[in-house]
Amino acid sequence: MESTLLMSRVEYVTSSTRGQRSGFAEPHSLMGWCHWRVVERLLKAHVTPPLDGCTYMGMDSGAPPIQISLFLDLLMCLCSDLSESEFVNGERTGCSSPISQQGAVVRSARALLWRILRGTTLHMVYVPGGCYDYLTLSGREHIGRLTKKGTERDTLSHIQNTQCVSDGGRVINSVLEGDVIVAPGAVIQHCHLQGPMDVHSGCLLSGLEVTSSSHIQQLALTNDHIIQGHHIQLGEMKITVYTVLGAYDDLKVSCDDDGATFLNHRWSDLYSRTGIQPEDLWGSGRSQSLMEARLFPVFQPRGGAVGLEVGVCWLLGGPGALEQWRAVWRLSLREVLSLTDQEGELRWRETLFFQVGRRRVMDNLKSQSDRGLLPSFRAAVLGGQHEELLCTLDSITLCAPVAAGSGENLGVAARCLACIADVLACLAGEGRGGLRSGPAANPAWSHAFSILEQGDLLGGVQALATERAKWLSRPDLLVRAARHYEAAGQVLLRQAVMLSQRFIYIGQGEVPPLGEWQDVECPARLDLSGGWSDTPPIAFEHGGTVVNVAVKVDGRRPIGARARRIKEPRLLLVSSSGVQDDAIAMETVCERLEDLKDHCVPYAPAALLKAVCVCSGLVTYPSRQSLDEQLLQRWGGGVEIHTWSLLPHGSGLGTSSILAGAVLAAVYRCTGRTYDTDSLIHAVLHLEQMLTTGGGWQDQVGGLVGGVKVARSKACLPLRVEVERLPLSDDFLLSLQQHLLLVYTGKTRLARNLLQDTVRRWYSRVPSIVENAGQLVDNAEECARACTEGSLPRLGACLERYWGQKKVMAPGCEPAAVRTMMDALRPLALGQTLAGAGGGGFLYLLTRQPQQGEAVRQVLNNTQGLRDFSVHPVELDMEGISLLKSS
């Protein structure tokens, strides 16, 4: 039986209970509840006569042993309503010392304690529902303690079939494979078992390895049996010994006693059933108790450790013979416990602990669970188990493409690569090796990336692991490797999201004449609730819901594009930003197919327009056909594209995604192709993955679909966006327009790593992010109801909650100047938030009173430290993307 069953009741700290039980032998153990000054005082008492008689050091130095109580002496002297005389003489405790030499020593020790500890403040901490539990030798009491109400059914364990474990059963630090049925009142701890197997009520299995499973399966186990594996050391030899007991057996009572039992039956039953005789168990002069009975086989006659089958199985009625049992070398329970290999026992439990952790990681990733994995990663790194964990994560990724439906598997594989990045960062150590976000284009990793880009997941993961092995020696290398693993995960994430291409339906219509412009204008969007939930992978792992509204700024649709076919077989790309005289235009000419090679580099010149040319099928890249051949064959010439935006960079109003939709629409129209708005929404989603900018789907929904709408995506791949325009009354729309105001903060939104950081925390399933994702969706649904029911106050409350939720998703998105601005405007607002991800750009507020533009301007003018802001009226746009007459 485990040593925890053998701990006996200890009330007094005495020199007779061995040095390590002494109250002063290890004073550092008091650090958890004492101030360091108190510890210093106790250290002083440790070596001061006569208190040194409580320690083995004092006794070994010749000091007379004395008894000092933790409660009636050490703690009693700290009580406030007690005099020194009462304490020293024991008058308040009923434990006054007798008039003897020993009594004088005790009084002297109490006087010393008074001088050393008096004045220290004693604090009491109440533990609700707590109780004082004496550990005994009773197996039944130990099992009851483990299964009592309030304990967990599953503690640090991996259970393949959780339905096999009853509510009253307990599994602790164990791995259960197959159908291992655990009845109410049964306990399995520190075991690795394979089913099928029944563990009956009152049974305890402990310390059993997986090789024991076949023998346990053959046993006709009944209730209240305890089977344990013990790691022991005999000289240089380390082996496992197996014991079996009954839960109701008394370990110390003599076998002649009427109540003496083995396996819950009288000893005479054992003798008659097996042929064992008392002299087989106890030598002369030995106490004839179960504790001393040499029942448990250790060695075969010719050497070699004995397994479970020779001793335990036979004693329980399984196959075997008396002669075989007698022939082996056996030990008693006391001898087994005295030979315990503590290091081996702890190593076995630690091995199970980390094996459980790896299996839980595997289960959570495959099932796309929202359970956080960072604690498991940190524990594995601290325990030196990182190599095993990395191999497990590799194997999960490699298994991803095996099952049908590669979309879901791509999502799982992308998260696995992000998890490997987390493990590498943990290996580097917190705050060491540099920032997690950074460049990830080292040529050493390009081979693995190219394999992944080609769709070879198995080859790519193996190439990544090969390269990873070269980057484990220093914290800076580990962090750089983590960045590259995150980048590899982004490759798979893009491939997963691009599966939404199947929802793009493009038809062929009449091609407009050469030179005829096709003009498109779009409103901006204000996100009212739910933003971030539309961001992959959140959008397809959790599901997303966003409410937003299309708006004109200063009476104009601020985003637009135009396209026409031209005679020359080339691409003429012109993009401009700014208002009229302040507009800045940039022209890019593509005359060779090679000019499009940077179409997926977001900071390349005209990258968005180049990506549109490829994504829309205007041209094919790469291709064996030259650019001019493709253009002439498909469209009879080249294409000229112009784009513009009247909004400042980093406005937070969804400019880039809406602009992508406008350009796609213009290109489709000038080449005679037809589309619907849903196709355009998914085409933008596909394009932004090709452009490697990522991002969600709510921006294009907001600018391409007019009015107030709720858009949703389900927790699955392929990612599909479904849009519902809310049926709002004209009165509510007018009131909403009169109460909405835009304020440009004067701060450019700096969101370079905002998306990457948020996706990283989602992949790690940081609890606050997981909880917040659910709240974002719930708040968006409430926002839709508030609008439908025409309640501006409820809408304002949704905006306030939404701003708080944005700050959870992206800490640091509220600059000090913006906080000052929002604090100043709060008395005027039902609700307010920064548009988009935050960090700068436009703030919008829902005012308590209509037409509050001038009042807002005055408040901001009177607020110290604010400048470069501007206030803009908002006009709801009910049309969305607008196709102008050809010119």
Foldseek 3Di string as FASTA:
>chain_A
DDVLLADFDDFWQWVVVDQVSFPLSCLVVCVVPDDVLLSVLSPVLCPDPPSVLSHVVCVVVPHPIAIDGVPLALVVLADDPDDLVCSLQVVVPVCGFDPDPNNVRSSVSSNSSNVRPYPDHDDDDDDVPDDDDGRHNFLLVVLCVQQPPPHAQEALEAAPDVVLEDRQEHEELEYEADREHGEHQEYEYLEYDYDPAYTDHQEYEEAYYHVCHVLRRPFPDDHFKYKYWFWFDDPPDTDIWIDMFGSGADQQDALPDPCHDGNNHRVVVLCVVAVDDQCLFDPPPDRRGQQRGFQTFAAALVGDGDDCCAGVRVSSPHDYHPVRSSRGGTGGNNVRVVRGPVVVVVVSSVVSSLVSLLVVVLVCLVVVHLDFNLVSLLVCLVVVNLVVSLVSLLVLLLCLVVDPDNLVSLQSNLLSLLVNLSSLLSNLPPPGQDDLDDDQPPVQLVVLLVCVLVVNRNSSSVSLVVSVVVQRPHSNSSSNSSSNSNVSSLSSQLVSQLLLLVVADKAFADADDAPWKWKKFWFFKFWLFWPPCQFPPNCQQVKTKTKMAGWHWQPHRFKMKMKAFHQALWEWEKEWEADDVPIDIDIDIGDWLVVLPLLLALPDVVNLVSLLCPLLPVDDPPDPDISSVSNCVQQNHYMYMYIYGHFDAQQLRLHPLLNSLNRNVNVCRNSRMDTDLQSSLSSSQSSCSSSVVGGGRVRNVRIAAFGIWMWIWYNHPPTGIDIDHADADPVLQVLQLQQKKKKAQQFRADCPCQVVVLVSCSSSSPVLSVVLSVVRRVLNVQCSVCRNVSHPLSSQVSQAVRQVSLCSSGPPLQDPSNVLLCVLCVVFASHKHRRHSHNGRMIMGGGPDGNCQVVSVVSQVPRPPGDPMDMIRIDGGRHRMDIDDID
